[in-house]
Amino acid sequence: MIAGALAPDNLLEEKPTMTYIINDDCTKCGDCVDECPVECITEGEDKMVIDPDECIDCGTCEEVCPVDAPKAED
């Protein structure tokens, strides 16, 4: 491929949709924010919120949450 040329559409990988959401059990303790390796979790009005464009689906938030609020989205 020539430098600077665009890759064919079949070679471009699309980022999968976010697989983690934070449910209403969230107490906004901030443990997930402190542990998120890409800093994609911010404080929302009623609960913490995951930015789907930044989330890498690592599952760290789910592991550290004391109330099991982050869940894999079906």
N, C-alpha and C. Protein backbone atom coordinates (compact mmCIF):
# COMPACT_ATOMS: atom_id res chain seq x y z
N MET A 1 0.84 -1.17 0.00
CA MET A 1 0.00 0.00 0.00
C MET A 1 0.89 1.24 0.00
N ILE A 2 0.51 2.23 -0.72
CA ILE A 2 1.26 3.48 -0.82
C ILE A 2 1.05 4.29 0.45
N ALA A 3 2.13 4.86 0.97
CA ALA A 3 2.04 5.67 2.18
C ALA A 3 1.01 6.77 2.00
N GLY A 4 0.13 6.91 2.97
CA GLY A 4 -0.90 7.93 2.93
C GLY A 4 -2.16 7.51 2.19
N ALA A 5 -2.13 6.34 1.54
CA ALA A 5 -3.32 5.86 0.82
C ALA A 5 -4.32 5.30 1.82
N LEU A 6 -5.57 5.39 1.47
CA LEU A 6 -6.62 4.86 2.33
C LEU A 6 -6.69 3.35 2.21
N ALA A 7 -6.94 2.70 3.33
CA ALA A 7 -7.09 1.24 3.33
C ALA A 7 -8.45 0.89 2.73
N PRO A 8 -8.54 -0.22 2.05
CA PRO A 8 -9.84 -0.66 1.54
C PRO A 8 -10.82 -0.84 2.69
N ASP A 9 -12.11 -0.63 2.41
CA ASP A 9 -13.13 -0.72 3.45
C ASP A 9 -13.10 -2.05 4.20
N ASN A 10 -12.79 -3.14 3.53
CA ASN A 10 -12.80 -4.43 4.20
C ASN A 10 -11.62 -4.62 5.15
N LEU A 11 -10.65 -3.73 5.12
CA LEU A 11 -9.52 -3.82 6.04
C LEU A 11 -9.68 -2.93 7.27
N LEU A 12 -10.63 -2.01 7.19
CA LEU A 12 -10.85 -1.12 8.32
C LEU A 12 -11.67 -1.84 9.37
N GLU A 13 -11.21 -1.79 10.61
CA GLU A 13 -11.95 -2.43 11.68
C GLU A 13 -12.76 -1.37 12.41
N GLU A 14 -14.03 -1.65 12.59
CA GLU A 14 -14.85 -0.75 13.36
C GLU A 14 -14.77 -1.17 14.81
N LYS A 15 -14.75 -0.17 15.71
CA LYS A 15 -14.75 -0.46 17.13
C LYS A 15 -16.11 -1.03 17.50
N PRO A 16 -16.13 -2.15 18.21
CA PRO A 16 -17.43 -2.70 18.60
C PRO A 16 -18.18 -1.73 19.50
N THR A 17 -19.48 -1.88 19.55
CA THR A 17 -20.26 -1.01 20.42
C THR A 17 -19.88 -1.29 21.87
N MET A 18 -20.09 -0.32 22.71
CA MET A 18 -19.72 -0.45 24.11
C MET A 18 -20.42 -1.65 24.74
N THR A 19 -19.69 -2.43 25.46
CA THR A 19 -20.29 -3.60 26.09
C THR A 19 -20.54 -3.40 27.57
N TYR A 20 -20.18 -2.26 28.14
CA TYR A 20 -20.43 -2.01 29.55
C TYR A 20 -21.29 -0.78 29.74
N ILE A 21 -22.28 -0.92 30.63
CA ILE A 21 -23.10 0.20 31.05
C ILE A 21 -23.13 0.19 32.57
N ILE A 22 -23.47 1.31 33.16
CA ILE A 22 -23.58 1.40 34.63
C ILE A 22 -25.06 1.53 34.96
N ASN A 23 -25.56 0.58 35.74
CA ASN A 23 -26.99 0.59 36.04
C ASN A 23 -27.31 1.51 37.22
N ASP A 24 -28.59 1.54 37.59
CA ASP A 24 -29.07 2.46 38.62
C ASP A 24 -28.64 2.08 40.04
N ASP A 25 -27.96 0.94 40.20
CA ASP A 25 -27.44 0.58 41.52
C ASP A 25 -26.24 1.43 41.92
N CYS A 26 -25.68 2.17 40.97
CA CYS A 26 -24.48 2.99 41.21
C CYS A 26 -24.69 3.97 42.35
N THR A 27 -23.71 4.03 43.25
CA THR A 27 -23.75 4.95 44.39
C THR A 27 -22.81 6.14 44.20
N LYS A 28 -22.18 6.21 43.03
CA LYS A 28 -21.23 7.28 42.70
C LYS A 28 -20.05 7.33 43.67
N CYS A 29 -19.57 6.16 44.08
CA CYS A 29 -18.44 6.11 45.02
C CYS A 29 -17.13 6.53 44.36
N GLY A 30 -17.02 6.31 43.04
CA GLY A 30 -15.82 6.71 42.32
C GLY A 30 -14.75 5.65 42.18
N ASP A 31 -14.97 4.46 42.72
CA ASP A 31 -13.96 3.41 42.61
C ASP A 31 -13.65 3.09 41.15
N CYS A 32 -14.68 3.06 40.30
CA CYS A 32 -14.48 2.75 38.89
C CYS A 32 -13.67 3.84 38.19
N VAL A 33 -13.92 5.08 38.57
CA VAL A 33 -13.19 6.21 37.96
C VAL A 33 -11.70 6.09 38.29
N ASP A 34 -11.41 5.78 39.53
CA ASP A 34 -10.02 5.67 39.98
C ASP A 34 -9.26 4.55 39.28
N GLU A 35 -9.96 3.47 38.90
CA GLU A 35 -9.29 2.31 38.32
C GLU A 35 -9.34 2.22 36.80
N CYS A 36 -10.19 3.01 36.15
CA CYS A 36 -10.34 2.92 34.69
C CYS A 36 -9.04 3.32 34.00
N PRO A 37 -8.47 2.42 33.19
CA PRO A 37 -7.17 2.70 32.56
C PRO A 37 -7.23 3.75 31.45
N VAL A 38 -8.42 4.03 30.93
CA VAL A 38 -8.53 5.02 29.85
C VAL A 38 -9.35 6.25 30.27
N GLU A 39 -9.69 6.33 31.55
CA GLU A 39 -10.40 7.48 32.11
C GLU A 39 -11.67 7.82 31.33
N CYS A 40 -12.48 6.80 31.06
CA CYS A 40 -13.70 7.01 30.27
C CYS A 40 -14.95 7.12 31.13
N ILE A 41 -14.81 7.12 32.44
CA ILE A 41 -15.98 7.16 33.32
C ILE A 41 -16.03 8.52 34.01
N THR A 42 -17.19 9.16 33.91
CA THR A 42 -17.38 10.47 34.54
C THR A 42 -18.63 10.44 35.40
N GLU A 43 -18.77 11.46 36.22
CA GLU A 43 -19.92 11.54 37.11
C GLU A 43 -21.10 12.15 36.37
N GLY A 44 -22.20 11.41 36.34
CA GLY A 44 -23.44 11.91 35.76
C GLY A 44 -24.31 12.48 36.86
N GLU A 45 -25.52 12.86 36.49
CA GLU A 45 -26.43 13.45 37.47
C GLU A 45 -26.80 12.47 38.58
N ASP A 46 -27.15 11.24 38.20
CA ASP A 46 -27.59 10.25 39.18
C ASP A 46 -26.65 9.09 39.38
N LYS A 47 -25.72 8.90 38.46
CA LYS A 47 -24.79 7.77 38.52
C LYS A 47 -23.58 8.07 37.66
N MET A 48 -22.58 7.22 37.74
CA MET A 48 -21.41 7.37 36.89
C MET A 48 -21.81 6.97 35.47
N VAL A 49 -21.09 7.51 34.48
CA VAL A 49 -21.43 7.28 33.08
C VAL A 49 -20.17 6.88 32.32
N ILE A 50 -20.29 5.86 31.46
CA ILE A 50 -19.17 5.39 30.63
C ILE A 50 -19.28 6.02 29.26
N ASP A 51 -18.19 6.64 28.79
CA ASP A 51 -18.13 7.21 27.44
C ASP A 51 -17.89 6.06 26.46
N PRO A 52 -18.87 5.75 25.61
CA PRO A 52 -18.72 4.60 24.71
C PRO A 52 -17.62 4.77 23.67
N ASP A 53 -17.25 6.00 23.37
CA ASP A 53 -16.18 6.23 22.39
C ASP A 53 -14.80 6.00 22.97
N GLU A 54 -14.69 6.03 24.30
CA GLU A 54 -13.40 5.86 24.96
C GLU A 54 -13.23 4.49 25.62
N CYS A 55 -14.32 3.85 25.96
CA CYS A 55 -14.27 2.56 26.67
C CYS A 55 -13.59 1.50 25.81
N ILE A 56 -12.69 0.73 26.43
CA ILE A 56 -11.98 -0.34 25.72
C ILE A 56 -12.49 -1.72 26.16
N ASP A 57 -13.59 -1.75 26.88
CA ASP A 57 -14.25 -2.99 27.28
C ASP A 57 -13.34 -3.91 28.10
N CYS A 58 -12.54 -3.34 28.98
CA CYS A 58 -11.59 -4.15 29.75
C CYS A 58 -12.24 -4.84 30.96
N GLY A 59 -13.35 -4.29 31.47
CA GLY A 59 -14.04 -4.89 32.60
C GLY A 59 -13.53 -4.50 33.96
N THR A 60 -12.56 -3.61 34.02
CA THR A 60 -12.01 -3.19 35.32
C THR A 60 -13.08 -2.57 36.20
N CYS A 61 -13.95 -1.76 35.61
CA CYS A 61 -15.01 -1.11 36.38
C CYS A 61 -15.90 -2.14 37.07
N GLU A 62 -16.21 -3.21 36.37
CA GLU A 62 -17.06 -4.26 36.90
C GLU A 62 -16.37 -4.97 38.07
N GLU A 63 -15.07 -5.15 37.96
CA GLU A 63 -14.30 -5.84 39.00
C GLU A 63 -14.21 -5.05 40.30
N VAL A 64 -14.12 -3.71 40.22
CA VAL A 64 -13.88 -2.91 41.42
C VAL A 64 -15.13 -2.34 42.05
N CYS A 65 -16.26 -2.42 41.37
CA CYS A 65 -17.48 -1.80 41.88
C CYS A 65 -18.05 -2.57 43.08
N PRO A 66 -18.25 -1.88 44.21
CA PRO A 66 -18.75 -2.57 45.40
C PRO A 66 -20.23 -2.97 45.31
N VAL A 67 -20.98 -2.37 44.37
CA VAL A 67 -22.41 -2.71 44.25
C VAL A 67 -22.74 -3.36 42.91
N ASP A 68 -21.72 -3.76 42.16
CA ASP A 68 -21.90 -4.45 40.88
C ASP A 68 -22.76 -3.66 39.89
N ALA A 69 -22.57 -2.33 39.84
CA ALA A 69 -23.36 -1.50 38.92
C ALA A 69 -22.93 -1.61 37.47
N PRO A 70 -21.64 -1.67 37.14
CA PRO A 70 -21.28 -1.85 35.73
C PRO A 70 -21.61 -3.27 35.29
N LYS A 71 -22.27 -3.37 34.17
CA LYS A 71 -22.65 -4.68 33.65
C LYS A 71 -22.36 -4.73 32.16
N ALA A 72 -22.06 -5.92 31.68
CA ALA A 72 -21.89 -6.12 30.25
C ALA A 72 -23.25 -5.96 29.59
N GLU A 73 -23.28 -5.12 28.56
CA GLU A 73 -24.53 -4.88 27.85
C GLU A 73 -24.78 -6.00 26.86
N ASP A 74 -26.00 -6.49 26.81
CA ASP A 74 -26.34 -7.58 25.88
C ASP A 74 -26.49 -7.08 24.48
